[in-house]
Amino acid sequence: MTRTFDILKTRWPEVALLVGLQTGVMMLVDQIMAAGLPDAPKQPSAVAFMLGFGTMSFFIVLLTLYVGFLRTAYVEGNRPYEPLQLLRVGRHFLWRAVRLVFIILGAHDALVAAGIAVAMIATRVESPRDIPALVFSIRLAVLIAVMKPLSFCPSIMVARDVMALPSIALLREYRGFANWPIIVIYLGAAVLNAGVSVAGQLYKPVGASRYATIGISNSLLSLAFLTIHLIALGAIHAAESPAAEESEPESEPESEPESEPEPAWDPSTSDRFNRQ
C-alpha cells in the first residue's frame, strides 16, 4: 500500500489525466445511451457519427495511456512520465487490452442481463424499475463475481507481458481474496456503481444534477480501480521477486589459478654430474 500511495502522490498529474479522460469517456457513453432511448429527441446523423467517433477515439487514447501508466508503474515505480511517453509504452499492450475489456465487460453485462431477466420472470413484473432492490442485488452480486479478473487481469497482462486470455488463465497463481485493501476498495466501488445505476433508473435526474452525478461517481470509480490495479501490481511484484531469486543459479566459487607444472629433472643439468 505504501508503494501505491507513493505512486499516486508523486505521479498525480498522470493520475488526474487518466481520471479526467475516463470520466469524459463515461459521460460520452451515457450521452450515447440516452440518445438511444425511445423518448429522446432525434439527433442528426452527422452529430451521432461524430459523437460515436469521438467516444471511440477517446477510449483508445485512454486505454493506451492507462496500460502505459500501469507498465511504467510496475517497472519504474513513482518515476513521472510524459503523456507521449505513456502512449509509446502503452501502444505495445493496446489491442490485447481492448480484447480483455470486451471479454470481462461482456461477461459482466451478460450475467447482469440474465440475472435481471430471471428476476423479472420470477416476480412477474414488466420492468426492472418495479424491482429496484432486486436489480441492485443482482448488479452487486455480478460485480463481486468478476472481482478477481477485473482487479488482477489488467495488472497481470502488463506486468508479465502476456495476451488477454493467458492473463485470465494466470489468475490461479494469485490469491486475490487474501488482499484486503483490494477487497475493501472494490466492494466500495461496486456498491457505488450499483447504487448509481439503480438510482438513475428510478429517479432519472436531468440537467446539471445528472451530469454532476455521472461526473462525481465516475471520477471516484476511476480512481478506485486505478488504485486497485496498482495494488495488484504490487502483489504481482512481491510474488515474482522470490521466484526470481530462487531461479538465479548459485555462483560457482572462483577456482584458484593452476600452478605451472615443475620441469622434469634432467640429470645432465645437475651440478653433481657436471662436477664429475
Protein backbone atom coordinates (compact mmCIF):
# COMPACT_ATOMS: atom_id res chain seq x y z
CA MET A 1 0.00 0.00 0.00
CA THR A 2 2.87 2.42 0.75
CA ARG A 3 4.26 1.97 -2.76
CA THR A 4 0.80 2.51 -4.26
CA PHE A 5 0.17 5.76 -2.37
CA ASP A 6 3.67 6.94 -3.25
CA ILE A 7 2.94 6.42 -6.96
CA LEU A 8 -0.43 8.15 -6.71
CA LYS A 9 1.10 11.11 -4.85
CA THR A 10 4.23 11.53 -6.95
CA ARG A 11 2.59 10.96 -10.33
CA TRP A 12 -0.60 12.89 -9.58
CA PRO A 13 -0.65 14.79 -12.92
CA GLU A 14 -0.82 11.47 -14.80
CA VAL A 15 -3.44 10.17 -12.35
CA ALA A 16 -5.54 13.31 -12.83
CA LEU A 17 -5.25 12.94 -16.62
CA LEU A 18 -6.40 9.31 -16.52
CA VAL A 19 -9.29 10.02 -14.14
CA GLY A 20 -10.41 13.02 -16.20
CA LEU A 21 -10.28 11.14 -19.51
CA GLN A 22 -12.14 8.14 -18.10
CA THR A 23 -14.82 10.40 -16.65
CA GLY A 24 -15.19 12.13 -20.01
CA VAL A 25 -15.47 8.82 -21.87
CA MET A 26 -18.15 7.57 -19.49
CA MET A 27 -20.12 10.78 -19.89
CA LEU A 28 -19.96 10.39 -23.67
CA VAL A 29 -21.12 6.78 -23.36
CA ASP A 30 -24.00 7.92 -21.16
CA GLN A 31 -24.91 10.54 -23.77
CA ILE A 32 -24.98 7.87 -26.50
CA MET A 33 -27.17 5.58 -24.38
CA ALA A 34 -29.53 8.46 -23.55
CA ALA A 35 -29.81 9.33 -27.25
CA GLY A 36 -30.95 5.77 -27.98
CA LEU A 37 -33.95 5.91 -25.65
CA PRO A 38 -37.41 5.96 -27.30
CA ASP A 39 -38.40 9.33 -25.82
CA ALA A 40 -35.07 11.02 -26.64
CA PRO A 41 -35.02 13.72 -29.33
CA LYS A 42 -33.61 12.54 -32.64
CA GLN A 43 -30.14 13.78 -33.45
CA PRO A 44 -28.81 14.45 -36.96
CA SER A 45 -26.81 11.57 -38.36
CA ALA A 46 -23.67 13.70 -38.60
CA VAL A 47 -23.89 14.57 -34.90
CA ALA A 48 -24.47 10.94 -33.95
CA PHE A 49 -21.49 9.86 -36.09
CA MET A 50 -19.17 12.45 -34.56
CA LEU A 51 -20.33 11.52 -31.06
CA GLY A 52 -19.62 7.84 -31.65
CA PHE A 53 -16.30 8.51 -33.40
CA GLY A 54 -15.18 10.88 -30.66
CA THR A 55 -16.08 8.38 -27.96
CA MET A 56 -14.09 5.59 -29.63
CA SER A 57 -11.11 7.90 -30.16
CA PHE A 58 -11.13 8.99 -26.52
CA PHE A 59 -11.46 5.36 -25.44
CA ILE A 60 -8.43 4.26 -27.49
CA VAL A 61 -6.28 7.13 -26.18
CA LEU A 62 -7.43 6.49 -22.61
CA LEU A 63 -6.73 2.76 -22.78
CA THR A 64 -3.27 3.31 -24.28
CA LEU A 65 -2.38 5.81 -21.57
CA TYR A 66 -3.82 3.56 -18.88
CA VAL A 67 -1.83 0.43 -19.73
CA GLY A 68 1.26 2.57 -20.34
CA PHE A 69 0.87 4.03 -16.86
CA LEU A 70 0.47 0.57 -15.30
CA ARG A 71 3.53 -0.77 -17.13
CA THR A 72 5.74 2.15 -16.10
CA ALA A 73 4.44 1.94 -12.53
CA TYR A 74 5.43 -1.74 -12.44
CA VAL A 75 8.89 -1.17 -13.92
CA GLU A 76 9.83 2.32 -12.71
CA GLY A 77 7.58 2.87 -9.68
CA ASN A 78 6.99 6.55 -8.95
CA ARG A 79 9.11 7.94 -11.78
CA PRO A 80 7.00 10.53 -13.67
CA TYR A 81 6.34 10.14 -17.40
CA GLU A 82 5.05 12.47 -20.07
CA PRO A 83 1.77 11.53 -21.83
CA LEU A 84 3.58 10.88 -25.13
CA GLN A 85 5.95 8.50 -23.34
CA LEU A 86 2.97 6.66 -21.83
CA LEU A 87 1.42 6.39 -25.28
CA ARG A 88 4.61 4.86 -26.68
CA VAL A 89 4.79 2.34 -23.84
CA GLY A 90 1.07 1.55 -23.89
CA ARG A 91 0.96 1.01 -27.65
CA HIS A 92 2.55 -2.41 -27.11
CA PHE A 93 -0.39 -3.52 -24.92
CA LEU A 94 -3.26 -1.72 -26.65
CA TRP A 95 -5.03 -4.41 -28.65
CA ARG A 96 -4.66 -7.09 -26.01
CA ALA A 97 -6.14 -4.59 -23.54
CA VAL A 98 -9.08 -3.97 -25.90
CA ARG A 99 -9.73 -7.72 -26.06
CA LEU A 100 -9.52 -8.01 -22.29
CA VAL A 101 -12.01 -5.16 -21.79
CA PHE A 102 -14.51 -6.75 -24.15
CA ILE A 103 -14.12 -10.19 -22.55
CA ILE A 104 -14.60 -9.02 -18.94
CA LEU A 105 -17.25 -6.38 -19.57
CA GLY A 106 -19.07 -8.68 -22.00
CA ALA A 107 -19.22 -11.39 -19.33
CA HIS A 108 -20.37 -8.83 -16.75
CA ASP A 109 -23.17 -7.42 -18.94
CA ALA A 110 -24.32 -10.88 -19.97
CA LEU A 111 -24.57 -12.02 -16.34
CA VAL A 112 -26.43 -8.86 -15.33
CA ALA A 113 -28.90 -9.17 -18.22
CA ALA A 114 -29.51 -12.85 -17.49
CA GLY A 115 -30.00 -12.21 -13.77
CA ILE A 116 -32.45 -9.36 -14.34
CA ALA A 117 -34.39 -11.41 -16.92
CA VAL A 118 -34.71 -14.33 -14.49
CA ALA A 119 -35.78 -11.95 -11.70
CA MET A 120 -38.44 -10.35 -13.91
CA ILE A 121 -39.82 -13.74 -14.90
CA ALA A 122 -39.83 -14.96 -11.29
CA THR A 123 -41.53 -11.82 -9.93
CA ARG A 124 -43.80 -11.36 -12.98
CA VAL A 125 -43.03 -7.68 -13.49
CA GLU A 126 -42.78 -5.81 -16.77
CA SER A 127 -39.86 -3.51 -16.00
CA PRO A 128 -36.72 -3.64 -13.84
CA ARG A 129 -37.89 -0.37 -12.26
CA ASP A 130 -40.52 -2.38 -10.40
CA ILE A 131 -37.87 -4.40 -8.53
CA PRO A 132 -35.08 -1.89 -7.73
CA ALA A 133 -33.80 -3.73 -4.66
CA LEU A 134 -33.51 -6.97 -6.62
CA VAL A 135 -31.76 -5.25 -9.52
CA PHE A 136 -29.31 -3.64 -7.09
CA SER A 137 -28.59 -7.06 -5.53
CA ILE A 138 -28.04 -8.65 -8.95
CA ARG A 139 -25.66 -5.92 -10.11
CA LEU A 140 -23.73 -6.08 -6.84
CA ALA A 141 -23.51 -9.89 -6.96
CA VAL A 142 -22.20 -9.87 -10.54
CA LEU A 143 -19.59 -7.22 -9.71
CA ILE A 144 -18.41 -9.35 -6.81
CA ALA A 145 -18.31 -12.42 -9.08
CA VAL A 146 -15.94 -10.70 -11.51
CA MET A 147 -13.86 -9.05 -8.78
CA LYS A 148 -10.69 -11.10 -9.24
CA PRO A 149 -10.42 -10.89 -13.06
CA LEU A 150 -11.39 -7.23 -13.08
CA SER A 151 -8.81 -6.45 -10.39
CA PHE A 152 -5.88 -8.62 -11.46
CA CYS A 153 -6.09 -9.33 -15.21
CA PRO A 154 -5.01 -5.86 -16.43
CA SER A 155 -2.10 -5.88 -13.99
CA ILE A 156 -1.06 -9.42 -14.92
CA MET A 157 -1.20 -8.55 -18.61
CA VAL A 158 1.15 -5.56 -18.35
CA ALA A 159 3.43 -6.96 -15.63
CA ARG A 160 4.05 -10.36 -17.24
CA ASP A 161 3.62 -9.14 -20.83
CA VAL A 162 1.03 -11.75 -21.82
CA MET A 163 -2.08 -11.69 -24.01
CA ALA A 164 -5.67 -11.33 -22.77
CA LEU A 165 -6.65 -14.99 -22.37
CA PRO A 166 -3.34 -16.08 -20.74
CA SER A 167 -3.78 -13.26 -18.20
CA ILE A 168 -7.10 -14.83 -17.21
CA ALA A 169 -5.51 -18.29 -17.00
CA LEU A 170 -2.74 -16.93 -14.74
CA LEU A 171 -5.28 -15.77 -12.14
CA ARG A 172 -4.89 -19.07 -10.29
CA GLU A 173 -1.34 -18.09 -9.31
CA TYR A 174 -2.51 -15.14 -7.20
CA ARG A 175 -4.66 -15.00 -4.08
CA GLY A 176 -6.99 -12.11 -4.78
CA PHE A 177 -9.23 -12.64 -1.75
CA ALA A 178 -6.24 -12.56 0.61
CA ASN A 179 -5.51 -8.94 -0.30
CA TRP A 180 -7.85 -6.97 1.96
CA PRO A 181 -7.19 -3.45 0.54
CA ILE A 182 -8.37 -4.64 -2.88
CA ILE A 183 -11.49 -6.21 -1.34
CA VAL A 184 -12.40 -3.08 0.65
CA ILE A 185 -11.88 -0.64 -2.24
CA TYR A 186 -13.57 -2.94 -4.75
CA LEU A 187 -16.65 -3.51 -2.59
CA GLY A 188 -16.99 0.23 -2.04
CA ALA A 189 -16.73 0.85 -5.79
CA ALA A 190 -19.20 -1.96 -6.52
CA VAL A 191 -21.78 -0.57 -4.10
CA LEU A 192 -21.34 2.92 -5.58
CA ASN A 193 -21.65 1.66 -9.16
CA ALA A 194 -24.73 -0.47 -8.49
CA GLY A 195 -26.38 2.24 -6.40
CA VAL A 196 -25.86 4.98 -9.01
CA SER A 197 -27.15 2.70 -11.76
CA VAL A 198 -30.35 1.81 -9.88
CA ALA A 199 -30.87 5.40 -8.70
CA GLY A 200 -30.55 6.63 -12.29
CA GLN A 201 -33.29 4.24 -13.42
CA LEU A 202 -35.61 5.23 -10.57
CA TYR A 203 -35.23 8.99 -10.36
CA LYS A 204 -33.84 9.91 -13.80
CA PRO A 205 -32.00 13.12 -12.88
CA VAL A 206 -31.84 15.71 -15.63
CA GLY A 207 -29.71 18.72 -16.41
CA ALA A 208 -26.90 19.74 -14.09
CA SER A 209 -27.78 17.20 -11.39
CA ARG A 210 -27.50 14.35 -13.90
CA TYR A 211 -24.09 15.44 -15.17
CA ALA A 212 -22.84 16.10 -11.64
CA THR A 213 -23.91 12.61 -10.53
CA ILE A 214 -22.29 10.96 -13.52
CA GLY A 215 -19.10 13.02 -13.23
CA ILE A 216 -18.54 12.57 -9.50
CA SER A 217 -19.41 8.85 -9.44
CA ASN A 218 -17.24 8.01 -12.46
CA SER A 219 -14.31 10.04 -11.09
CA LEU A 220 -14.46 8.08 -7.84
CA LEU A 221 -14.80 4.77 -9.69
CA SER A 222 -11.88 5.57 -11.97
CA LEU A 223 -9.61 6.48 -9.05
CA ALA A 224 -10.73 3.39 -7.13
CA PHE A 225 -9.94 0.98 -9.96
CA LEU A 226 -6.62 2.65 -10.71
CA THR A 227 -5.69 2.18 -7.05
CA ILE A 228 -6.82 -1.45 -7.18
CA HIS A 229 -4.69 -2.15 -10.25
CA LEU A 230 -1.65 -0.53 -8.63
CA ILE A 231 -2.12 -2.66 -5.50
CA ALA A 232 -2.43 -5.74 -7.74
CA LEU A 233 0.84 -4.76 -9.44
CA GLY A 234 2.48 -4.65 -6.03
CA ALA A 235 1.15 -8.12 -5.21
CA ILE A 236 2.44 -9.46 -8.53
CA HIS A 237 5.84 -7.85 -7.96
CA ALA A 238 6.04 -9.35 -4.48
CA ALA A 239 5.13 -12.79 -5.83
CA GLU A 240 7.61 -12.58 -8.69
CA SER A 241 10.60 -11.39 -6.66
CA PRO A 242 11.11 -14.55 -4.52
CA ALA A 243 10.63 -16.74 -7.58
CA ALA A 244 13.25 -14.77 -9.47
CA GLU A 245 15.68 -15.06 -6.56
CA GLU A 246 15.16 -18.81 -6.32
CA SER A 247 15.65 -19.29 -10.05
CA GLU A 248 19.01 -17.48 -10.10
CA PRO A 249 21.83 -20.03 -10.32
CA GLU A 250 24.30 -20.07 -7.48
CA SER A 251 27.60 -18.51 -8.37
CA GLU A 252 30.38 -21.02 -8.66
CA PRO A 253 33.37 -20.43 -6.38
CA GLU A 254 36.30 -18.96 -8.17
CA SER A 255 38.87 -21.63 -8.86
CA GLU A 256 42.42 -20.96 -7.85
CA PRO A 257 44.81 -20.46 -10.74
CA GLU A 258 46.57 -23.64 -11.58
CA SER A 259 50.25 -23.58 -10.79
CA GLU A 260 52.59 -24.27 -13.64
CA PRO A 261 54.00 -27.82 -13.54
CA GLU A 262 57.58 -28.11 -12.33
CA PRO A 263 60.00 -29.01 -15.12
CA ALA A 264 61.19 -32.62 -15.16
CA TRP A 265 64.64 -33.26 -13.61
CA ASP A 266 67.39 -33.50 -16.22
CA PRO A 267 70.46 -35.33 -14.97
CA SER A 268 72.67 -33.50 -17.44
CA THR A 269 71.96 -30.19 -15.80
CA SER A 270 72.68 -31.33 -12.28
CA ASP A 271 75.76 -29.77 -10.64
CA ARG A 272 76.75 -33.14 -9.22
CA PHE A 273 77.07 -34.74 -12.63
CA ASN A 274 78.75 -31.71 -14.14
CA ARG A 275 81.47 -31.85 -11.49
CA GLN A 276 82.11 -35.48 -12.31
